[in-house]
Structures are given as structure tokens and as C-alpha cells.
Amino acid sequence: MRDLFIKDLGWKVFSVLLAAFIWLTVHKLIEEPPTVSVSSASSLVTYSNLPVFFVATAENMSLYRVEPDTVAVTVSGPTEIMAVLDTNQIRATVDLTDADFRKEAKRRVDVSVPPGVTLFNVEPARVEVVAPPKH
């Protein structure tokens, strides 16, 4: 019976200490969940009146226009990136290169943003393509 307690005593003490350490660590995390610091939080910024550019073939470039010609774009990202973000780094475009846009009056606005910035919302999400008047 004595051999049951004495044999591998070092491993048994180590196992008990390791179990206590793991239990204390988990218990502390349950009581106090980690908090997010304000400096690493994301900022949400809305840029209004961004011009909508359109991509079209050379012959269609001056014939069509979009309404409305500006959109409001809401983006988010780390505060250090958002502090230096400028409106000319965000680009709103409408693709008019396919033939189907003549059938469909409203087209989706595609927005490109710099790396590290996430697109949150585009208002309006679709714009109307206005064809030239027929003579």
C-alpha cells in the first residue's frame, strides 16, 4: 500500500500542480472575460456625396448617365487607418460594358476600398442608368 503513494511521487506532485494551474486559469477566464481595448476597436465612418463613375465602352461613354450621380458609403476599419482615409481612396462604379444594362434600368453600385477597410453600406445600392434621348 505504501508503494501506491511513494512510487512516482514527483510525477504525481507535478500532475496535481499542473491541474491546479489549469483550473485557476480557466476559472479566471470564466469570471473575467477578456475585454477589447478602445485603441483596437473599429471606427465607422460615412462619406456622403461620393461621385458614381461608370465603366463603359468608348462609344457609350458620353451617351449614358446615372441617377443619382452620388452615393453615401459607410466603411469601417481600425482607427489608425480611418484617421488617414480620404474620400479619393474610395471609388464607386457602375458597370455598363455588358449589353443587358439597356434592359435593366437599375444597376448595382460597386465600391472599392483600400486594404484594411471594410465596406459596411452603400446608399443607394442601385442607381438608374439613363439612356440618351432618341431623336
N, C-alpha and C. Protein backbone atom coordinates (compact mmCIF):
# COMPACT_ATOMS: atom_id res chain seq x y z
N MET A 1 0.82 -1.19 0.00
CA MET A 1 0.00 0.00 0.00
C MET A 1 0.87 1.27 0.00
N ARG A 2 1.95 1.21 0.76
CA ARG A 2 2.86 2.35 0.83
C ARG A 2 3.45 2.64 -0.54
N ASP A 3 3.68 1.62 -1.32
CA ASP A 3 4.25 1.77 -2.65
C ASP A 3 3.29 2.55 -3.57
N LEU A 4 2.00 2.48 -3.32
CA LEU A 4 1.00 3.20 -4.12
C LEU A 4 1.19 4.71 -4.02
N PHE A 5 1.55 5.21 -2.86
CA PHE A 5 1.73 6.65 -2.67
C PHE A 5 3.15 7.12 -3.00
N ILE A 6 4.15 6.33 -2.77
CA ILE A 6 5.54 6.73 -2.90
C ILE A 6 6.05 6.58 -4.33
N LYS A 7 5.59 5.57 -5.05
CA LYS A 7 6.09 5.32 -6.39
C LYS A 7 5.70 6.49 -7.31
N ASP A 8 6.65 7.03 -8.05
CA ASP A 8 6.47 8.16 -8.98
C ASP A 8 5.89 9.38 -8.27
N LEU A 9 6.37 9.65 -7.09
CA LEU A 9 5.86 10.78 -6.31
C LEU A 9 6.08 12.12 -7.03
N GLY A 10 7.20 12.27 -7.70
CA GLY A 10 7.49 13.51 -8.44
C GLY A 10 6.46 13.78 -9.53
N TRP A 11 6.09 12.76 -10.30
CA TRP A 11 5.10 12.90 -11.36
C TRP A 11 3.72 13.20 -10.79
N LYS A 12 3.42 12.59 -9.67
CA LYS A 12 2.11 12.82 -9.05
C LYS A 12 1.99 14.26 -8.54
N VAL A 13 3.03 14.78 -7.92
CA VAL A 13 3.02 16.17 -7.45
C VAL A 13 2.93 17.13 -8.64
N PHE A 14 3.73 16.84 -9.69
CA PHE A 14 3.68 17.68 -10.90
C PHE A 14 2.28 17.68 -11.51
N SER A 15 1.63 16.54 -11.59
CA SER A 15 0.29 16.44 -12.17
C SER A 15 -0.73 17.23 -11.36
N VAL A 16 -0.64 17.18 -10.03
CA VAL A 16 -1.57 17.94 -9.19
C VAL A 16 -1.36 19.45 -9.37
N LEU A 17 -0.10 19.87 -9.41
CA LEU A 17 0.19 21.30 -9.61
C LEU A 17 -0.28 21.77 -10.99
N LEU A 18 -0.04 20.97 -12.02
CA LEU A 18 -0.50 21.33 -13.37
C LEU A 18 -2.02 21.41 -13.44
N ALA A 19 -2.71 20.47 -12.81
CA ALA A 19 -4.18 20.50 -12.80
C ALA A 19 -4.69 21.74 -12.07
N ALA A 20 -4.04 22.11 -10.96
CA ALA A 20 -4.46 23.31 -10.22
C ALA A 20 -4.23 24.57 -11.05
N PHE A 21 -3.11 24.64 -11.76
CA PHE A 21 -2.82 25.80 -12.61
C PHE A 21 -3.85 25.93 -13.73
N ILE A 22 -4.17 24.83 -14.37
CA ILE A 22 -5.16 24.86 -15.46
C ILE A 22 -6.53 25.27 -14.92
N TRP A 23 -6.90 24.71 -13.77
CA TRP A 23 -8.20 25.06 -13.19
C TRP A 23 -8.27 26.55 -12.84
N LEU A 24 -7.22 27.10 -12.24
CA LEU A 24 -7.21 28.52 -11.89
C LEU A 24 -7.27 29.41 -13.12
N THR A 25 -6.57 29.03 -14.17
CA THR A 25 -6.58 29.82 -15.41
C THR A 25 -7.97 29.84 -16.03
N VAL A 26 -8.60 28.69 -16.15
CA VAL A 26 -9.94 28.61 -16.73
C VAL A 26 -10.95 29.32 -15.84
N HIS A 27 -10.84 29.15 -14.55
CA HIS A 27 -11.75 29.80 -13.61
C HIS A 27 -11.66 31.33 -13.72
N LYS A 28 -10.45 31.86 -13.88
CA LYS A 28 -10.27 33.31 -14.01
C LYS A 28 -10.89 33.81 -15.32
N LEU A 29 -10.72 33.06 -16.42
CA LEU A 29 -11.29 33.47 -17.70
C LEU A 29 -12.81 33.47 -17.67
N ILE A 30 -13.39 32.54 -16.94
CA ILE A 30 -14.85 32.49 -16.84
C ILE A 30 -15.37 33.68 -16.04
N GLU A 31 -14.69 34.02 -14.96
CA GLU A 31 -15.13 35.13 -14.12
C GLU A 31 -14.90 36.48 -14.78
N GLU A 32 -13.76 36.65 -15.47
CA GLU A 32 -13.41 37.92 -16.09
C GLU A 32 -13.06 37.68 -17.55
N PRO A 33 -14.07 37.74 -18.45
CA PRO A 33 -13.75 37.55 -19.86
C PRO A 33 -12.85 38.67 -20.36
N PRO A 34 -12.02 38.39 -21.37
CA PRO A 34 -11.12 39.43 -21.87
C PRO A 34 -11.91 40.58 -22.48
N THR A 35 -11.41 41.80 -22.32
CA THR A 35 -12.06 42.98 -22.86
C THR A 35 -11.28 43.49 -24.06
N VAL A 36 -11.99 44.13 -24.97
CA VAL A 36 -11.36 44.72 -26.15
C VAL A 36 -10.97 46.14 -25.80
N SER A 37 -9.74 46.48 -26.07
CA SER A 37 -9.30 47.84 -25.78
C SER A 37 -9.84 48.80 -26.83
N VAL A 38 -10.02 50.03 -26.45
CA VAL A 38 -10.61 51.03 -27.34
C VAL A 38 -9.70 51.30 -28.53
N SER A 39 -8.39 51.21 -28.35
CA SER A 39 -7.47 51.53 -29.42
C SER A 39 -7.52 50.53 -30.57
N SER A 40 -7.95 49.28 -30.28
CA SER A 40 -8.02 48.28 -31.35
C SER A 40 -9.42 48.17 -31.94
N ALA A 41 -10.35 48.96 -31.46
CA ALA A 41 -11.72 48.90 -31.97
C ALA A 41 -11.80 49.55 -33.36
N SER A 42 -12.83 49.20 -34.08
CA SER A 42 -13.03 49.75 -35.42
C SER A 42 -13.84 51.02 -35.35
N SER A 43 -13.58 51.90 -36.30
CA SER A 43 -14.35 53.12 -36.44
C SER A 43 -15.31 52.95 -37.62
N LEU A 44 -16.47 53.55 -37.52
CA LEU A 44 -17.47 53.51 -38.57
C LEU A 44 -17.64 54.93 -39.09
N VAL A 45 -17.37 55.13 -40.39
CA VAL A 45 -17.40 56.48 -40.98
C VAL A 45 -18.25 56.43 -42.24
N THR A 46 -19.08 57.46 -42.43
CA THR A 46 -19.90 57.58 -43.64
C THR A 46 -19.39 58.75 -44.47
N TYR A 47 -19.15 58.48 -45.75
CA TYR A 47 -18.74 59.51 -46.70
C TYR A 47 -19.93 59.77 -47.61
N SER A 48 -20.44 60.99 -47.58
CA SER A 48 -21.59 61.37 -48.40
C SER A 48 -21.12 62.02 -49.69
N ASN A 49 -22.00 62.02 -50.67
CA ASN A 49 -21.78 62.68 -51.95
C ASN A 49 -20.53 62.19 -52.67
N LEU A 50 -20.28 60.88 -52.62
CA LEU A 50 -19.19 60.33 -53.43
C LEU A 50 -19.68 60.18 -54.86
N PRO A 51 -18.93 60.65 -55.84
CA PRO A 51 -19.40 60.54 -57.22
C PRO A 51 -19.41 59.09 -57.69
N VAL A 52 -20.39 58.78 -58.52
CA VAL A 52 -20.50 57.44 -59.10
C VAL A 52 -19.91 57.50 -60.50
N PHE A 53 -18.85 56.76 -60.72
CA PHE A 53 -18.24 56.67 -62.04
C PHE A 53 -18.82 55.45 -62.74
N PHE A 54 -18.82 55.46 -64.07
CA PHE A 54 -19.29 54.27 -64.75
C PHE A 54 -18.26 53.80 -65.75
N VAL A 55 -18.26 52.50 -65.93
CA VAL A 55 -17.35 51.85 -66.86
C VAL A 55 -18.18 51.49 -68.08
N ALA A 56 -17.75 51.99 -69.24
CA ALA A 56 -18.50 51.74 -70.48
C ALA A 56 -17.52 51.68 -71.64
N THR A 57 -18.01 51.20 -72.77
CA THR A 57 -17.17 51.19 -73.97
C THR A 57 -16.98 52.62 -74.45
N ALA A 58 -16.02 52.84 -75.29
CA ALA A 58 -15.67 54.20 -75.72
C ALA A 58 -16.84 54.90 -76.40
N GLU A 59 -17.60 54.18 -77.21
CA GLU A 59 -18.71 54.84 -77.92
C GLU A 59 -19.88 55.17 -76.98
N ASN A 60 -20.02 54.44 -75.88
CA ASN A 60 -21.12 54.69 -74.95
C ASN A 60 -20.75 55.65 -73.83
N MET A 61 -19.50 56.05 -73.75
CA MET A 61 -19.02 56.81 -72.59
C MET A 61 -19.79 58.11 -72.39
N SER A 62 -20.04 58.84 -73.43
CA SER A 62 -20.70 60.14 -73.26
C SER A 62 -22.22 60.06 -73.45
N LEU A 63 -22.74 58.88 -73.81
CA LEU A 63 -24.16 58.78 -74.10
C LEU A 63 -25.01 58.56 -72.84
N TYR A 64 -24.50 57.85 -71.87
CA TYR A 64 -25.30 57.46 -70.72
C TYR A 64 -24.89 58.23 -69.48
N ARG A 65 -25.81 58.28 -68.54
CA ARG A 65 -25.51 58.86 -67.23
C ARG A 65 -26.27 58.05 -66.19
N VAL A 66 -25.90 58.25 -64.93
CA VAL A 66 -26.56 57.52 -63.84
C VAL A 66 -27.23 58.52 -62.90
N GLU A 67 -28.36 58.10 -62.34
CA GLU A 67 -29.08 58.92 -61.36
C GLU A 67 -29.41 58.08 -60.15
N PRO A 68 -29.11 58.51 -58.98
CA PRO A 68 -28.35 59.71 -58.65
C PRO A 68 -26.88 59.52 -59.01
N ASP A 69 -26.19 60.62 -59.19
CA ASP A 69 -24.79 60.53 -59.58
C ASP A 69 -23.84 60.55 -58.38
N THR A 70 -24.40 60.55 -57.17
CA THR A 70 -23.58 60.44 -55.96
C THR A 70 -24.21 59.41 -55.02
N VAL A 71 -23.37 58.81 -54.17
CA VAL A 71 -23.83 57.85 -53.18
C VAL A 71 -23.19 58.16 -51.83
N ALA A 72 -23.78 57.60 -50.78
CA ALA A 72 -23.21 57.67 -49.45
C ALA A 72 -22.64 56.30 -49.13
N VAL A 73 -21.38 56.25 -48.72
CA VAL A 73 -20.69 54.99 -48.45
C VAL A 73 -20.27 54.97 -46.99
N THR A 74 -20.64 53.90 -46.28
CA THR A 74 -20.23 53.72 -44.89
C THR A 74 -19.19 52.62 -44.85
N VAL A 75 -18.03 52.94 -44.26
CA VAL A 75 -16.93 51.99 -44.16
C VAL A 75 -16.48 51.89 -42.71
N SER A 76 -15.79 50.81 -42.41
CA SER A 76 -15.24 50.64 -41.06
C SER A 76 -13.83 50.09 -41.18
N GLY A 77 -13.08 50.30 -40.10
CA GLY A 77 -11.71 49.81 -40.07
C GLY A 77 -11.02 50.26 -38.82
N PRO A 78 -9.78 49.85 -38.64
CA PRO A 78 -9.02 50.28 -37.47
C PRO A 78 -8.90 51.80 -37.43
N THR A 79 -8.90 52.36 -36.24
CA THR A 79 -8.90 53.82 -36.10
C THR A 79 -7.68 54.46 -36.73
N GLU A 80 -6.53 53.79 -36.71
CA GLU A 80 -5.34 54.39 -37.31
C GLU A 80 -5.46 54.48 -38.83
N ILE A 81 -6.16 53.54 -39.47
CA ILE A 81 -6.38 53.62 -40.92
C ILE A 81 -7.47 54.63 -41.23
N MET A 82 -8.55 54.61 -40.44
CA MET A 82 -9.67 55.51 -40.69
C MET A 82 -9.28 56.98 -40.49
N ALA A 83 -8.29 57.24 -39.64
CA ALA A 83 -7.87 58.62 -39.38
C ALA A 83 -7.22 59.25 -40.61
N VAL A 84 -6.59 58.45 -41.45
CA VAL A 84 -5.91 58.99 -42.63
C VAL A 84 -6.65 58.68 -43.94
N LEU A 85 -7.79 58.02 -43.85
CA LEU A 85 -8.56 57.67 -45.05
C LEU A 85 -9.16 58.92 -45.67
N ASP A 86 -9.00 59.05 -46.97
CA ASP A 86 -9.51 60.21 -47.71
C ASP A 86 -10.58 59.74 -48.70
N THR A 87 -11.47 60.64 -49.07
CA THR A 87 -12.57 60.26 -49.97
C THR A 87 -12.07 59.81 -51.33
N ASN A 88 -10.93 60.29 -51.80
CA ASN A 88 -10.46 59.87 -53.12
C ASN A 88 -9.91 58.44 -53.11
N GLN A 89 -9.82 57.80 -51.94
CA GLN A 89 -9.39 56.41 -51.85
C GLN A 89 -10.56 55.43 -51.95
N ILE A 90 -11.77 55.95 -51.96
CA ILE A 90 -12.98 55.13 -52.09
C ILE A 90 -13.59 55.44 -53.45
N ARG A 91 -13.87 54.39 -54.22
CA ARG A 91 -14.36 54.61 -55.58
C ARG A 91 -15.64 53.82 -55.80
N ALA A 92 -16.70 54.52 -56.21
CA ALA A 92 -17.99 53.90 -56.52
C ALA A 92 -18.14 53.86 -58.03
N THR A 93 -18.42 52.66 -58.58
CA THR A 93 -18.54 52.50 -60.03
C THR A 93 -19.78 51.70 -60.38
N VAL A 94 -20.23 51.89 -61.60
CA VAL A 94 -21.33 51.12 -62.19
C VAL A 94 -20.82 50.58 -63.52
N ASP A 95 -21.01 49.29 -63.75
CA ASP A 95 -20.52 48.64 -64.97
C ASP A 95 -21.58 48.69 -66.05
N LEU A 96 -21.26 49.37 -67.16
CA LEU A 96 -22.18 49.45 -68.30
C LEU A 96 -21.62 48.75 -69.53
N THR A 97 -20.63 47.89 -69.35
CA THR A 97 -20.00 47.26 -70.51
C THR A 97 -20.81 46.12 -71.11
N ASP A 98 -21.70 45.50 -70.34
CA ASP A 98 -22.49 44.42 -70.92
C ASP A 98 -23.75 44.99 -71.57
N ALA A 99 -24.31 44.23 -72.46
CA ALA A 99 -25.47 44.69 -73.22
C ALA A 99 -26.76 44.67 -72.42
N ASP A 100 -26.81 43.95 -71.32
CA ASP A 100 -28.04 43.80 -70.55
C ASP A 100 -28.46 45.07 -69.82
N PHE A 101 -27.59 46.06 -69.70
CA PHE A 101 -27.98 47.24 -68.93
C PHE A 101 -29.07 48.04 -69.65
N ARG A 102 -29.25 47.82 -70.94
CA ARG A 102 -30.32 48.52 -71.66
C ARG A 102 -31.69 47.97 -71.24
N LYS A 103 -31.74 46.68 -70.86
CA LYS A 103 -33.00 46.07 -70.43
C LYS A 103 -33.28 46.38 -68.96
N GLU A 104 -32.24 46.47 -68.19
CA GLU A 104 -32.38 46.68 -66.74
C GLU A 104 -32.00 48.12 -66.42
N ALA A 105 -32.97 48.90 -65.97
CA ALA A 105 -32.72 50.32 -65.73
C ALA A 105 -31.86 50.57 -64.50
N LYS A 106 -31.99 49.73 -63.49
CA LYS A 106 -31.22 49.93 -62.25
C LYS A 106 -30.01 48.98 -62.25
N ARG A 107 -28.87 49.54 -61.87
CA ARG A 107 -27.63 48.77 -61.81
C ARG A 107 -27.01 48.87 -60.42
N ARG A 108 -26.31 47.82 -60.01
CA ARG A 108 -25.65 47.78 -58.71
C ARG A 108 -24.42 48.69 -58.70
N VAL A 109 -24.22 49.37 -57.58
CA VAL A 109 -23.04 50.21 -57.39
C VAL A 109 -21.96 49.35 -56.73
N ASP A 110 -20.80 49.24 -57.39
CA ASP A 110 -19.66 48.53 -56.84
C ASP A 110 -18.73 49.55 -56.19
N VAL A 111 -18.27 49.24 -54.98
CA VAL A 111 -17.40 50.17 -54.26
C VAL A 111 -16.09 49.47 -53.96
N SER A 112 -14.99 50.14 -54.29
CA SER A 112 -13.67 49.60 -53.94
C SER A 112 -13.08 50.47 -52.83
N VAL A 113 -12.51 49.80 -51.84
CA VAL A 113 -11.92 50.47 -50.68
C VAL A 113 -10.49 49.99 -50.51
N PRO A 114 -9.65 50.76 -49.82
CA PRO A 114 -8.26 50.36 -49.61
C PRO A 114 -8.15 49.14 -48.68
N PRO A 115 -7.00 48.48 -48.67
CA PRO A 115 -6.79 47.34 -47.77
C PRO A 115 -6.95 47.76 -46.31
N GLY A 116 -7.55 46.90 -45.52
CA GLY A 116 -7.76 47.18 -44.10
C GLY A 116 -9.07 47.88 -43.81
N VAL A 117 -9.77 48.30 -44.85
CA VAL A 117 -11.05 48.99 -44.70
C VAL A 117 -12.14 48.05 -45.19
N THR A 118 -13.25 47.98 -44.45
CA THR A 118 -14.36 47.10 -44.79
C THR A 118 -15.56 47.94 -45.20
N LEU A 119 -16.16 47.59 -46.33
CA LEU A 119 -17.38 48.26 -46.78
C LEU A 119 -18.54 47.81 -45.91
N PHE A 120 -19.26 48.77 -45.36
CA PHE A 120 -20.37 48.47 -44.47
C PHE A 120 -21.71 48.66 -45.17
N ASN A 121 -21.86 49.78 -45.91
CA ASN A 121 -23.15 50.07 -46.55
C ASN A 121 -22.95 51.04 -47.70
N VAL A 122 -23.80 50.91 -48.73
CA VAL A 122 -23.84 51.85 -49.85
C VAL A 122 -25.29 52.30 -49.99
N GLU A 123 -25.51 53.60 -50.03
CA GLU A 123 -26.87 54.13 -50.14
C GLU A 123 -26.93 55.18 -51.23
N PRO A 124 -27.65 55.00 -52.30
CA PRO A 124 -28.43 53.82 -52.66
C PRO A 124 -27.51 52.72 -53.20
N ALA A 125 -27.95 51.48 -53.05
CA ALA A 125 -27.15 50.34 -53.51
C ALA A 125 -27.25 50.16 -55.01
N ARG A 126 -28.33 50.69 -55.61
CA ARG A 126 -28.52 50.60 -57.06
C ARG A 126 -28.86 51.99 -57.58
N VAL A 127 -28.37 52.28 -58.78
CA VAL A 127 -28.66 53.56 -59.42
C VAL A 127 -29.30 53.30 -60.78
N GLU A 128 -30.02 54.28 -61.25
CA GLU A 128 -30.70 54.13 -62.53
C GLU A 128 -29.81 54.61 -63.67
N VAL A 129 -29.75 53.81 -64.72
CA VAL A 129 -29.00 54.18 -65.91
C VAL A 129 -29.95 54.93 -66.83
N VAL A 130 -29.59 56.16 -67.18
CA VAL A 130 -30.44 56.98 -68.05
C VAL A 130 -29.83 56.98 -69.45
N ALA A 131 -30.64 56.51 -70.41
CA ALA A 131 -30.19 56.44 -71.80
C ALA A 131 -30.35 57.81 -72.45
N PRO A 132 -29.60 58.05 -73.50
CA PRO A 132 -29.73 59.33 -74.20
C PRO A 132 -31.10 59.45 -74.86
N PRO A 133 -31.61 60.68 -75.02
CA PRO A 133 -32.91 60.84 -75.68
C PRO A 133 -32.82 60.41 -77.14
N LYS A 134 -33.90 59.79 -77.60
CA LYS A 134 -33.94 59.36 -79.01
C LYS A 134 -34.39 60.51 -79.89
N HIS A 135 -33.74 60.65 -81.02
CA HIS A 135 -34.08 61.75 -81.94
C HIS A 135 -35.12 61.34 -82.93
